[in-house]
Amino acid sequence: MARSALRITLAVVAIVAAVAVAWLATGGLDKFRRAGAPGPIAIATLLRGAAQQVIGDGFVGCPTAQQVLDLTQEPQRRELRSQITGVDPWGTPYQIDCANERLRVFSAGPDKKPGTADDIRALQ
């Protein structure tokens, strides 16, 4: 009897924790959606496209998000600058990785730890 009560309690705690994490994650995103700002995935995707343009224009190496914002040519530059600051909604800079001839743009997400399940990635 005590084991089944413990199992039920652990299951309820796990469900409550999952709901709390989801609520926190969506609550932060809702604030930015209400403000009319693009979501973090859309921003990462915009940065990826701009990074491809900068590299195609002859940039040597792998640019940072700030370099992409500085070097993107008009008219896309004006659009990027109006929507993107180079940091995600949680205050962490977007990262650009050019390893293995594959361009990836990502941010660490709400937990601010790269390589975890809540990371934000640009759409390919």
Protein backbone atom coordinates (compact mmCIF):
# COMPACT_ATOMS: atom_id res chain seq x y z
CA MET A 1 0.00 0.00 0.00
CA ALA A 2 2.78 2.43 0.92
CA ARG A 3 4.65 1.68 -2.33
CA SER A 4 1.63 2.42 -4.50
CA ALA A 5 1.02 5.69 -2.63
CA LEU A 6 4.66 6.62 -3.19
CA ARG A 7 4.39 5.80 -6.90
CA ILE A 8 1.26 7.92 -7.23
CA THR A 9 2.91 10.80 -5.38
CA LEU A 10 6.01 10.61 -7.60
CA ALA A 11 3.84 10.51 -10.73
CA VAL A 12 1.89 13.58 -9.59
CA VAL A 13 5.10 15.44 -8.78
CA ALA A 14 6.52 14.60 -12.22
CA ILE A 15 3.36 15.82 -13.95
CA VAL A 16 3.28 19.04 -11.93
CA ALA A 17 6.96 19.67 -12.71
CA ALA A 18 6.40 19.11 -16.44
CA VAL A 19 3.42 21.47 -16.44
CA ALA A 20 5.40 24.09 -14.50
CA VAL A 21 8.32 23.96 -16.94
CA ALA A 22 5.98 24.24 -19.92
CA TRP A 23 4.11 27.12 -18.30
CA LEU A 24 7.34 29.01 -17.59
CA ALA A 25 8.65 28.49 -21.11
CA THR A 26 5.45 29.59 -22.82
CA GLY A 27 4.91 32.46 -20.40
CA GLY A 28 8.22 34.01 -21.41
CA LEU A 29 7.50 33.59 -25.09
CA ASP A 30 3.99 35.04 -24.76
CA LYS A 31 5.43 38.27 -23.40
CA PHE A 32 7.50 38.72 -26.56
CA ARG A 33 4.65 37.68 -28.86
CA ARG A 34 2.38 40.31 -27.30
CA ALA A 35 5.07 42.91 -27.92
CA GLY A 36 5.02 42.06 -31.63
CA ALA A 37 8.58 40.73 -31.66
CA PRO A 38 9.39 37.63 -33.73
CA GLY A 39 9.90 34.43 -31.76
CA PRO A 40 13.37 33.12 -30.97
CA ILE A 41 13.23 30.41 -33.65
CA ALA A 42 12.26 32.99 -36.27
CA ILE A 43 15.13 35.22 -35.14
CA ALA A 44 17.63 32.34 -35.31
CA THR A 45 16.35 31.50 -38.79
CA LEU A 46 16.69 35.14 -39.93
CA LEU A 47 20.23 35.23 -38.53
CA ARG A 48 21.08 32.01 -40.35
CA GLY A 49 19.97 33.44 -43.68
CA ALA A 50 21.88 36.65 -43.07
CA ALA A 51 24.99 34.67 -42.01
CA GLN A 52 24.82 32.72 -45.27
CA GLN A 53 24.70 36.03 -47.15
CA VAL A 54 27.68 37.44 -45.22
CA ILE A 55 29.72 34.28 -45.84
CA GLY A 56 28.69 34.28 -49.50
CA ASP A 57 29.88 37.89 -49.75
CA GLY A 58 33.39 36.76 -48.79
CA PHE A 59 33.56 36.80 -44.98
CA VAL A 60 36.50 34.66 -43.90
CA GLY A 61 35.82 32.34 -40.99
CA CYS A 62 32.64 32.01 -38.98
CA PRO A 63 30.94 35.32 -38.11
CA THR A 64 29.41 36.12 -34.75
CA ALA A 65 25.77 37.22 -34.53
CA GLN A 66 26.94 40.81 -34.04
CA GLN A 67 29.18 40.64 -37.13
CA VAL A 68 26.25 39.31 -39.15
CA LEU A 69 24.11 42.23 -37.98
CA ASP A 70 26.90 44.69 -38.84
CA LEU A 71 27.84 43.21 -42.24
CA THR A 72 24.47 42.28 -43.73
CA GLN A 73 23.79 44.46 -46.75
CA GLU A 74 20.69 46.57 -47.36
CA PRO A 75 17.72 46.14 -47.61
CA GLN A 76 17.88 43.01 -45.43
CA ARG A 77 20.07 44.83 -42.91
CA ARG A 78 17.37 47.36 -42.05
CA GLU A 79 14.84 44.55 -41.53
CA LEU A 80 17.23 42.58 -39.33
CA ARG A 81 18.13 45.58 -37.21
CA SER A 82 14.48 46.41 -36.62
CA GLN A 83 13.72 42.91 -35.34
CA ILE A 84 16.92 41.50 -33.86
CA THR A 85 19.31 42.59 -31.15
CA GLY A 86 21.52 39.49 -31.38
CA VAL A 87 20.37 38.09 -28.04
CA ASP A 88 17.57 35.67 -27.30
CA PRO A 89 14.53 36.59 -25.14
CA TRP A 90 16.42 35.33 -22.08
CA GLY A 91 19.39 37.67 -22.62
CA THR A 92 21.88 35.16 -24.07
CA PRO A 93 23.61 35.96 -27.39
CA TYR A 94 22.75 33.80 -30.38
CA GLN A 95 25.65 31.57 -31.42
CA ILE A 96 26.76 30.75 -34.95
CA ASP A 97 28.66 27.53 -35.62
CA CYS A 98 30.24 26.88 -39.02
CA ALA A 99 31.90 23.55 -38.20
CA ASN A 100 31.83 20.72 -40.73
CA GLU A 101 30.74 23.08 -43.53
CA ARG A 102 27.32 23.29 -41.89
CA LEU A 103 25.96 26.61 -40.67
CA ARG A 104 24.01 26.37 -37.41
CA VAL A 105 22.47 29.27 -35.48
CA PHE A 106 21.24 28.58 -31.96
CA SER A 107 20.74 29.99 -28.48
CA ALA A 108 20.93 28.27 -25.12
CA GLY A 109 17.22 28.84 -24.43
CA PRO A 110 15.54 29.58 -21.10
CA ASP A 111 18.01 27.61 -18.96
CA LYS A 112 20.98 29.48 -20.55
CA LYS A 113 22.91 26.18 -20.83
CA PRO A 114 23.92 25.14 -24.36
CA GLY A 115 23.38 21.54 -25.37
CA THR A 116 20.17 20.98 -23.39
CA ALA A 117 16.66 20.14 -24.59
CA ASP A 118 15.40 23.74 -24.48
CA ASP A 119 17.99 25.13 -26.92
CA ILE A 120 16.58 27.27 -29.74
CA ARG A 121 17.74 26.31 -33.24
CA ALA A 122 17.26 27.95 -36.62
CA LEU A 123 15.06 26.12 -39.05
CA GLN A 124 17.08 24.48 -41.80
